[in-house]
Protein backbone atom coordinates (compact mmCIF):
# COMPACT_ATOMS: atom_id res chain seq x y z
CA MET A 1 -18.58 7.88 -22.88
CA LYS A 2 -15.42 7.70 -20.74
CA ILE A 3 -15.73 9.10 -17.20
CA LEU A 4 -12.88 9.69 -14.77
CA SER A 5 -14.48 9.14 -11.35
CA VAL A 6 -12.53 10.58 -8.40
CA ASN A 7 -13.04 9.64 -4.74
CA LYS A 8 -10.39 9.44 -2.04
CA PHE A 9 -11.65 6.09 -0.71
CA PHE A 10 -12.05 3.07 -2.98
CA TRP A 11 -13.97 0.98 -0.49
CA ASN A 12 -17.40 1.32 1.10
CA LYS A 13 -16.52 3.69 3.92
CA GLY A 14 -19.79 5.66 4.08
CA GLY A 15 -22.74 7.20 2.30
CA SER A 16 -20.70 9.14 -0.26
CA GLU A 17 -18.86 5.94 -1.24
CA THR A 18 -22.23 4.19 -1.65
CA VAL A 19 -23.19 6.88 -4.16
CA PHE A 20 -19.76 6.72 -5.83
CA PHE A 21 -19.89 2.96 -6.39
CA ASN A 22 -23.60 2.92 -7.29
CA GLU A 23 -23.03 5.50 -10.03
CA LYS A 24 -20.00 3.58 -11.25
CA ALA A 25 -22.08 0.40 -11.55
CA LEU A 26 -24.96 2.21 -13.29
CA LEU A 27 -22.65 3.80 -15.84
CA GLU A 28 -20.79 0.57 -16.59
CA LYS A 29 -24.04 -1.35 -16.96
CA ASP A 30 -25.15 1.27 -19.48
CA GLY A 31 -22.01 0.67 -21.54
CA HIS A 32 -19.83 3.55 -20.38
CA THR A 33 -16.22 3.31 -19.23
CA VAL A 34 -15.46 4.46 -15.69
CA ILE A 35 -11.85 5.15 -14.73
CA PRO A 36 -11.40 5.38 -10.94
CA PHE A 37 -8.85 7.68 -9.32
CA SER A 38 -8.39 7.24 -5.60
CA MET A 39 -5.97 6.58 -2.71
CA LYS A 40 -4.14 3.32 -2.13
CA SER A 41 -5.35 1.29 0.83
CA ASP A 42 -5.39 -2.33 1.98
CA GLU A 43 -9.18 -2.04 2.16
CA ASN A 44 -9.58 -1.04 -1.49
CA PHE A 45 -11.44 -3.07 -4.08
CA ASP A 46 -9.32 -4.31 -6.96
CA SER A 47 -8.85 -2.00 -9.94
CA PRO A 48 -6.57 -2.09 -12.99
CA TYR A 49 -6.05 1.62 -12.41
CA SER A 50 -4.75 1.28 -8.84
CA ARG A 51 -1.18 1.92 -10.00
CA TYR A 52 -2.26 5.52 -10.61
CA PHE A 53 -3.78 5.94 -7.14
CA VAL A 54 -2.10 8.34 -4.71
CA GLU A 55 -0.05 6.93 -1.87
CA TYR A 56 -1.85 6.17 1.38
CA ILE A 57 -1.89 9.02 3.90
CA ASP A 58 -2.48 8.44 7.61
CA TYR A 59 -3.75 11.71 9.08
CA SER A 60 -4.20 10.04 12.47
CA SER A 61 -0.47 9.58 13.02
CA PRO A 62 0.66 11.06 16.37
CA SER A 63 4.09 11.94 14.95
CA LEU A 64 4.68 15.70 14.72
CA LEU A 65 6.92 15.21 11.69
CA ALA A 66 4.23 13.18 9.94
CA LYS A 67 1.60 15.81 10.78
CA ILE A 68 3.72 18.58 9.26
CA LYS A 69 4.53 16.51 6.18
CA ASN A 70 0.91 15.49 5.66
CA ALA A 71 -0.36 19.03 6.25
CA SER A 72 1.30 20.20 3.05
CA LYS A 73 -0.53 17.45 1.11
CA ILE A 74 -3.87 18.77 2.37
CA ILE A 75 -3.16 22.10 0.74
CA TYR A 76 -1.48 20.80 -2.42
CA SER A 77 -0.60 17.20 -3.25
CA PHE A 78 2.27 16.88 -5.72
CA ASP A 79 1.85 13.10 -5.60
CA ALA A 80 -1.77 13.36 -6.76
CA LYS A 81 -0.85 15.86 -9.48
CA ASP A 82 1.92 13.59 -10.81
CA LYS A 83 -0.30 10.49 -10.72
CA MET A 84 -3.05 12.33 -12.59
CA ARG A 85 -0.56 13.38 -15.26
CA GLU A 86 0.57 9.76 -15.65
CA LEU A 87 -3.02 8.60 -16.01
CA LEU A 88 -3.86 11.23 -18.61
CA LYS A 89 -0.93 10.07 -20.73
CA VAL A 90 -2.66 6.73 -21.31
CA ASP A 91 -6.36 7.68 -21.10
CA SER A 92 -8.42 10.60 -22.30
CA PRO A 93 -11.68 10.89 -20.35
CA ASP A 94 -14.63 12.93 -21.62
CA VAL A 95 -15.33 14.32 -18.15
CA ALA A 96 -13.82 14.16 -14.65
CA HIS A 97 -16.44 13.58 -11.95
CA PHE A 98 -15.21 14.35 -8.42
CA HIS A 99 -16.84 13.10 -5.24
CA ILE A 100 -15.00 13.33 -1.88
CA PHE A 101 -11.41 14.19 -2.79
CA GLN A 102 -10.12 16.93 -0.49
CA HIS A 103 -7.08 16.34 1.75
CA GLN A 104 -5.94 12.97 0.40
CA ILE A 105 -6.05 14.08 -3.27
CA SER A 106 -6.55 17.87 -3.21
CA PRO A 107 -7.40 20.22 -6.11
CA SER A 108 -3.80 19.93 -7.37
CA VAL A 109 -5.18 17.46 -9.95
CA PHE A 110 -7.31 20.20 -11.54
CA ASN A 111 -4.34 21.66 -13.44
CA PRO A 112 -3.50 18.49 -15.43
CA LEU A 113 -7.18 18.04 -16.26
CA ARG A 114 -7.43 21.63 -17.45
CA GLN A 115 -4.31 21.21 -19.59
CA HIS A 116 -5.94 18.23 -21.29
CA GLY A 117 -9.25 20.03 -21.74
CA VAL A 118 -11.19 17.66 -19.46
CA PRO A 119 -14.34 19.25 -17.93
CA ILE A 120 -14.59 19.07 -14.14
CA LEU A 121 -17.77 18.09 -12.30
CA LEU A 122 -18.10 17.95 -8.49
CA THR A 123 -20.86 16.30 -6.50
CA LEU A 124 -21.47 18.13 -3.22
CA HIS A 125 -21.49 15.36 -0.64
CA ASP A 126 -20.59 17.86 2.07
CA LEU A 127 -20.01 21.59 2.63
CA LYS A 128 -16.24 21.65 2.03
CA PRO A 129 -16.25 24.34 -0.71
CA MET A 130 -17.68 26.70 1.91
CA CYS A 131 -16.51 25.33 5.28
CA PRO A 132 -13.01 24.32 6.45
CA ASN A 133 -14.31 21.39 8.52
CA TYR A 134 -16.87 20.17 5.94
CA THR A 135 -19.92 20.41 8.24
CA MET A 136 -20.74 24.01 9.24
CA TYR A 137 -21.03 22.55 12.73
CA THR A 138 -18.76 23.26 15.68
CA LYS A 139 -18.98 23.68 19.44
CA ALA A 140 -22.30 21.79 19.47
CA GLN A 141 -24.04 24.17 17.09
CA VAL A 142 -24.47 25.09 13.45
CA CYS A 143 -21.86 27.66 12.40
CA GLU A 144 -21.58 29.85 9.29
CA LYS A 145 -18.93 32.27 10.55
CA CYS A 146 -16.62 31.57 7.60
CA LYS A 147 -19.13 33.07 5.17
CA GLY A 148 -17.50 35.71 2.99
CA GLY A 149 -14.12 33.98 3.10
CA LYS A 150 -13.56 34.59 6.82
CA PHE A 151 -11.81 31.26 7.27
CA TYR A 152 -9.77 32.52 10.22
CA ASN A 153 -12.84 31.71 12.31
CA ALA A 154 -11.94 28.05 11.95
CA ILE A 155 -8.74 28.79 13.88
CA LEU A 156 -10.47 30.88 16.53
CA ASN A 157 -13.05 28.16 17.15
CA LYS A 158 -10.71 25.18 16.68
CA CYS A 159 -13.28 23.76 14.28
CA THR A 160 -11.24 20.74 13.19
CA LYS A 161 -11.43 18.15 15.97
CA ASN A 162 -10.82 20.94 18.51
CA SER A 163 -7.22 21.07 17.28
CA GLY A 164 -5.43 24.37 16.84
CA PHE A 165 -2.94 22.80 14.43
CA GLY A 166 -5.55 21.01 12.33
CA SER A 167 -7.84 24.03 12.26
CA THR A 168 -4.97 26.28 11.14
CA ILE A 169 -4.05 23.91 8.32
CA ASN A 170 -7.65 23.72 7.13
CA ALA A 171 -8.02 27.50 7.24
CA LEU A 172 -4.80 27.92 5.22
CA GLU A 173 -6.07 25.26 2.82
CA MET A 174 -9.25 27.26 2.21
CA TYR A 175 -7.38 30.55 1.74
CA PHE A 176 -4.94 28.96 -0.72
CA HIS A 177 -7.64 27.20 -2.71
CA LYS A 178 -9.66 30.40 -2.89
CA ALA A 179 -6.64 32.42 -4.00
CA MET A 180 -5.88 29.86 -6.70
CA GLY A 181 -9.51 29.82 -7.80
CA TYR A 182 -9.77 26.04 -7.66
CA TYR A 183 -13.50 25.79 -7.00
CA GLN A 184 -14.06 28.43 -9.69
CA GLN A 185 -12.43 25.96 -12.10
CA VAL A 186 -15.24 23.47 -11.53
CA ASP A 187 -17.53 23.52 -14.57
CA LYS A 188 -20.58 22.18 -12.78
CA PHE A 189 -21.59 21.28 -9.24
CA ILE A 190 -24.15 18.56 -8.55
CA ALA A 191 -26.19 19.37 -5.44
CA VAL A 192 -27.91 16.25 -4.12
CA SER A 193 -30.23 18.42 -2.04
CA ARG A 194 -31.94 21.69 -2.87
CA PHE A 195 -30.74 22.93 0.51
CA TYR A 196 -27.09 22.57 -0.52
CA LEU A 197 -27.78 24.20 -3.87
CA GLU A 198 -29.24 27.27 -2.22
CA LYS A 199 -26.47 27.32 0.41
CA MET A 200 -23.85 27.40 -2.36
CA VAL A 201 -25.63 30.33 -4.02
CA GLU A 202 -25.89 32.08 -0.65
CA PHE A 203 -22.10 31.72 -0.27
CA GLY A 204 -21.45 33.29 -3.66
CA PHE A 205 -21.29 30.41 -6.15
CA PRO A 206 -23.01 31.06 -9.52
CA ARG A 207 -26.44 29.45 -9.72
CA GLU A 208 -25.83 28.56 -13.38
CA LYS A 209 -23.00 26.27 -12.30
CA LEU A 210 -25.28 24.28 -10.01
CA VAL A 211 -27.66 21.46 -10.87
CA TYR A 212 -29.95 19.51 -8.54
CA LEU A 213 -29.65 15.75 -8.78
CA PRO A 214 -30.57 13.78 -5.63
CA ASN A 215 -29.13 10.43 -4.64
CA ALA A 216 -30.89 7.32 -5.88
CA VAL A 217 -31.72 3.88 -4.60
CA ASN A 218 -32.86 0.64 -6.21
CA ALA A 219 -35.88 -0.24 -4.09
CA ASP A 220 -36.01 -3.72 -5.60
CA LYS A 221 -32.79 -4.56 -3.72
CA PHE A 222 -34.56 -3.90 -0.41
CA THR A 223 -37.24 -6.41 0.50
CA LYS A 224 -40.08 -5.67 2.88
CA ALA A 225 -40.24 -7.43 6.22
CA ARG A 226 -42.73 -10.23 6.72
CA SER A 227 -43.02 -9.21 10.35
CA VAL A 228 -41.96 -5.96 11.98
CA SER A 229 -40.37 -5.81 15.42
CA ASP A 230 -40.90 -3.14 18.08
CA TYR A 231 -37.57 -1.30 18.02
CA ALA A 232 -36.61 2.16 16.81
CA LEU A 233 -33.38 2.11 14.82
CA TYR A 234 -30.50 4.51 14.24
CA PHE A 235 -27.83 3.44 11.78
CA GLY A 236 -24.86 5.46 10.60
CA ARG A 237 -21.76 7.20 11.86
CA LEU A 238 -21.47 7.76 15.61
CA SER A 239 -20.30 11.37 15.78
CA GLU A 240 -21.53 14.49 17.52
CA GLU A 241 -23.21 16.11 14.52
CA LYS A 242 -25.35 13.01 13.95
CA GLY A 243 -27.35 13.70 17.13
CA VAL A 244 -27.26 10.11 18.40
CA GLN A 245 -27.36 11.32 22.02
CA THR A 246 -30.80 12.81 21.30
CA PHE A 247 -31.90 9.35 20.17
CA ILE A 248 -30.69 7.88 23.48
CA GLU A 249 -32.39 10.64 25.48
CA ALA A 250 -35.61 9.90 23.61
CA ALA A 251 -35.24 6.25 24.62
CA SER A 252 -35.15 7.28 28.28
CA HIS A 253 -38.59 8.84 27.81
CA ASN A 254 -39.90 5.61 26.27
CA PRO A 255 -38.72 2.76 28.51
CA SER A 256 -41.19 0.31 26.97
CA VAL A 257 -39.74 0.73 23.46
CA ASN A 258 -36.47 -0.88 22.41
CA HIS A 259 -33.89 1.29 20.65
CA LYS A 260 -31.02 -0.08 18.57
CA ILE A 261 -27.92 1.76 17.35
CA VAL A 262 -25.88 0.42 14.43
CA GLY A 263 -22.53 1.94 13.54
CA THR A 264 -19.24 3.11 14.90
CA GLY A 265 -17.33 6.34 15.13
CA PRO A 266 -15.52 8.81 17.39
CA SER A 267 -18.49 9.25 19.75
CA LEU A 268 -18.86 5.56 20.59
CA GLU A 269 -17.25 5.66 24.04
CA LEU A 270 -19.04 8.90 24.94
CA LEU A 271 -22.39 7.39 23.99
CA GLU A 272 -21.69 4.18 25.89
CA ASN A 273 -20.84 6.21 28.99
CA PHE A 274 -23.96 8.33 28.58
CA ILE A 275 -26.12 5.19 28.46
CA LYS A 276 -24.39 3.77 31.52
CA ASN A 277 -24.38 6.96 33.59
CA ASN A 278 -28.04 7.68 32.87
CA LYS A 279 -29.07 4.04 33.38
CA VAL A 280 -30.85 3.83 30.03
CA LYS A 281 -31.82 0.17 29.83
CA ASN A 282 -33.62 0.07 26.49
CA VAL A 283 -30.74 1.02 24.15
CA GLU A 284 -28.48 -1.54 22.47
CA ILE A 285 -25.36 -0.59 20.48
CA LEU A 286 -24.76 -3.32 17.88
CA GLY A 287 -21.59 -1.99 16.25
CA PHE A 288 -20.87 -1.91 12.54
CA LYS A 289 -23.21 -3.85 10.26
CA SER A 290 -23.41 -4.08 6.50
CA GLY A 291 -24.94 -6.08 3.68
CA GLU A 292 -27.85 -8.35 4.44
CA ASP A 293 -27.35 -8.04 8.21
CA LEU A 294 -27.98 -4.30 8.00
CA LYS A 295 -30.86 -4.64 5.54
CA LYS A 296 -32.58 -7.08 7.89
CA LEU A 297 -32.26 -4.68 10.82
CA ILE A 298 -33.75 -1.87 8.71
CA ARG A 299 -36.72 -3.74 7.31
CA GLU A 300 -37.66 -5.24 10.67
CA ALA A 301 -37.47 -1.95 12.55
CA LEU A 302 -40.63 -0.26 13.72
CA VAL A 303 -39.19 3.08 12.61
CA VAL A 304 -35.82 4.52 11.57
CA VAL A 305 -34.61 7.73 13.20
CA VAL A 306 -32.26 10.33 11.68
CA PRO A 307 -31.61 12.75 14.59
CA SER A 308 -28.89 14.91 12.99
CA VAL A 309 -28.05 18.38 14.33
CA TRP A 310 -25.99 19.54 11.34
CA PHE A 311 -26.98 20.42 7.78
CA GLU A 312 -27.53 16.92 6.43
CA ASN A 313 -27.53 16.62 2.66
CA CYS A 314 -29.49 13.74 1.06
CA PRO A 315 -28.94 10.87 3.52
CA MET A 316 -28.91 7.41 2.00
CA THR A 317 -30.18 6.20 5.39
CA ILE A 318 -33.56 7.80 4.63
CA LEU A 319 -33.77 6.49 1.06
CA GLU A 320 -32.76 2.97 2.10
CA SER A 321 -35.26 2.97 4.97
CA PHE A 322 -38.09 4.07 2.68
CA ALA A 323 -37.00 1.44 0.14
CA SER A 324 -37.45 -1.09 2.95
CA SER A 325 -40.97 0.24 3.59
CA ARG A 326 -40.07 1.71 6.96
CA PRO A 327 -41.17 5.16 8.11
CA VAL A 328 -38.53 7.70 9.10
CA ILE A 329 -38.46 10.27 11.88
CA GLY A 330 -35.93 12.94 11.00
CA ALA A 331 -34.63 16.17 12.45
CA ASP A 332 -36.08 19.21 10.70
CA ILE A 333 -32.76 20.48 9.35
CA GLY A 334 -30.87 20.69 6.05
CA GLY A 335 -31.85 18.29 3.29
CA ILE A 336 -33.72 15.94 5.65
CA THR A 337 -36.73 18.23 5.40
CA GLU A 338 -36.92 17.62 1.64
CA LEU A 339 -37.07 13.83 1.93
CA ILE A 340 -39.70 13.32 4.64
CA ASN A 341 -43.30 14.36 4.11
CA HIS A 342 -44.40 15.20 7.64
CA GLU A 343 -47.34 13.09 8.84
CA TYR A 344 -47.38 11.19 5.52
CA ASP A 345 -44.31 8.93 5.35
CA GLY A 346 -42.67 10.02 8.60
CA PHE A 347 -42.30 12.84 11.08
CA LEU A 348 -40.01 15.86 11.39
CA PHE A 349 -38.95 16.99 14.85
CA LYS A 350 -37.00 19.95 16.15
CA PRO A 351 -33.25 19.11 16.33
CA ASN A 352 -32.13 18.15 19.85
CA ASP A 353 -35.74 17.85 21.05
CA ALA A 354 -35.65 14.39 22.63
CA LEU A 355 -39.15 14.66 24.09
CA GLN A 356 -40.76 15.45 20.74
CA LEU A 357 -38.79 12.63 19.13
CA SER A 358 -39.90 10.21 21.84
CA ASN A 359 -43.54 11.18 21.29
CA TYR A 360 -43.29 10.36 17.58
CA ILE A 361 -41.60 7.02 18.32
CA SER A 362 -44.33 6.30 20.85
CA TYR A 363 -46.98 7.07 18.23
CA PHE A 364 -45.64 4.37 15.91
CA HIS A 365 -45.27 1.96 18.82
CA ASP A 366 -48.94 2.46 19.70
CA ASN A 367 -50.03 2.48 16.04
CA PRO A 368 -47.98 -0.15 14.15
CA ASP A 369 -50.47 -0.13 11.26
CA SER A 370 -49.68 3.55 10.72
CA ALA A 371 -45.97 2.73 10.72
CA ASN A 372 -46.55 0.21 7.95
CA LEU A 373 -48.74 2.63 5.99
CA PHE A 374 -46.17 5.43 6.28
CA GLY A 375 -43.45 2.99 5.23
CA GLU A 376 -45.36 1.89 2.13
CA ARG A 377 -45.79 5.53 1.14
CA GLY A 378 -42.05 6.05 1.54
CA ARG A 379 -41.27 3.06 -0.67
CA SER A 380 -43.62 4.35 -3.36
CA LYS A 381 -41.90 7.73 -3.22
CA VAL A 382 -38.36 6.45 -3.70
CA LYS A 383 -39.47 4.16 -6.53
CA GLU A 384 -41.01 7.11 -8.32
CA GLU A 385 -38.75 10.05 -7.46
CA PHE A 386 -35.38 8.59 -6.42
CA ASN A 387 -34.95 5.64 -8.75
CA GLU A 388 -31.70 4.77 -10.49
CA LYS A 389 -33.10 4.98 -14.04
CA VAL A 390 -34.04 8.64 -13.68
CA HIS A 391 -30.79 9.36 -11.85
CA LEU A 392 -28.69 7.87 -14.66
CA GLU A 393 -30.60 9.75 -17.36
CA LYS A 394 -30.10 13.10 -15.61
CA LEU A 395 -26.45 12.35 -14.82
CA LEU A 396 -25.75 11.60 -18.48
CA GLU A 397 -27.46 14.85 -19.44
CA VAL A 398 -25.00 16.71 -17.21
CA TYR A 399 -22.05 14.82 -18.69
CA THR A 400 -23.21 15.51 -22.23
CA SER A 401 -23.58 19.21 -21.51
CA LEU A 402 -19.92 19.32 -20.43
CA LYS A 403 -18.42 16.83 -22.87
CA ARG A 404 -15.77 18.15 -25.23
CA SER A 405 -16.94 18.35 -28.84
C-alpha cells in the first residue's frame, strides 16, 4: 500500500512528530511505501520527496508585512496546493494520512487529493477542528465558547497568544474552513483518546467518521532502571497549559524530595522566576533532553508527573514512562484519565491542586516499593494494550476501509 503521510514538521519537534515518525517506520518495515509531505526546514531529516515540501514559514517574524503575508497562508496556502499537485503528477497514493498540518500547509491541499480520488484521513493530535487555538484553553482555564461555530469568541478573548491580530486570523481561518466544508471532506478521523472522540461528536462531527486508535509504544526500546533515584520528574513542553507551575508548587510542599524538569518552551523564564521568587530549592530545570539522556532520566525517576490543565489527548509521556516501568501521577483531565488506573499504576489528582499532587509524590517517596510495583503494572499495560503490533494492524484496517478499489 502507498500512503501519503502529511505533517508540517519533518523533524522530532514533539509528541505528534514522535507518532508521525513511529507510524512511518512501522509501515515501511511492514513493506508499505510512505510518501512524506511537509515543510522545508534546516532541521528536517533527509527525504527524496523534500522538493515537494512547502516553503518554510516563520510565523514568529516581527515584521508587519510578513505577518500579513503569512496570515493569508494560514487560511489558504497556494504554495501547498501547487506542491501537492506536483507530487500527485508523479505518485498516486492509496490514502492521504494527515497529522499536524494546519497553518503551514492548510486544507488547500484537500482539493488536489479529491480531484485524484485519494481518501483523506486525519489523526486528531489536538483540538484544531473545533478550536481556533488548538487547545480549548485560554485565560488560565478550559474554554469551549466557540462551540456551535461561535469562533468570534477567539477574538474577544484574544485566545491566540493574547494577540488580537493572531486571534482574528485564526477566527477567520475557522470561519473560512467551515464555509468551505474542509473538515467535512475528511473521510475518517482517528481519535487517539476516547475523550477526543466524544468531544468531536459533541461538537457535531458524525460518529461514523470517527475511529478510536490510541498511540503506541515499543516497550522493548525502554529498559528498566537497575536503581531508582528519589526525584519526581516532569518532561515535556514548558507552556501554561501543561501545568508545570503546579509541579513546582507541589515541590515547595515536599522540600525533602527532589524535582526535575526537562524541556523548554515559552514559559521557561516565567517558571525560573517563580522558582526564584518563591525560594523553591528542590527544583532543577535541566533544559531540552532527548534520546538516551532522556530515557535514563525517565527510568531512574521515582515517579513521572503529568500536571496538565488542558484537555490532554494521549500523551506519549505517560506511555513512555510506563514502558520504563515508572508510575505516573497525572491530572484528572482529558485523555490522561484513560491511561492511568488510579491507585494501580499511578494516581490521578485534581488539576491545579498542588497539595494533593505533593501528597501523592510523598507517598511514593515514603514507599519506593509501591512505586516499583505501580511501574511494573504500567509496563505490563502498555505491552498488552498500547503495543505497536496491534496499532499497525488497526491502522491498516482503517486504510483498507478507505482505499480506492
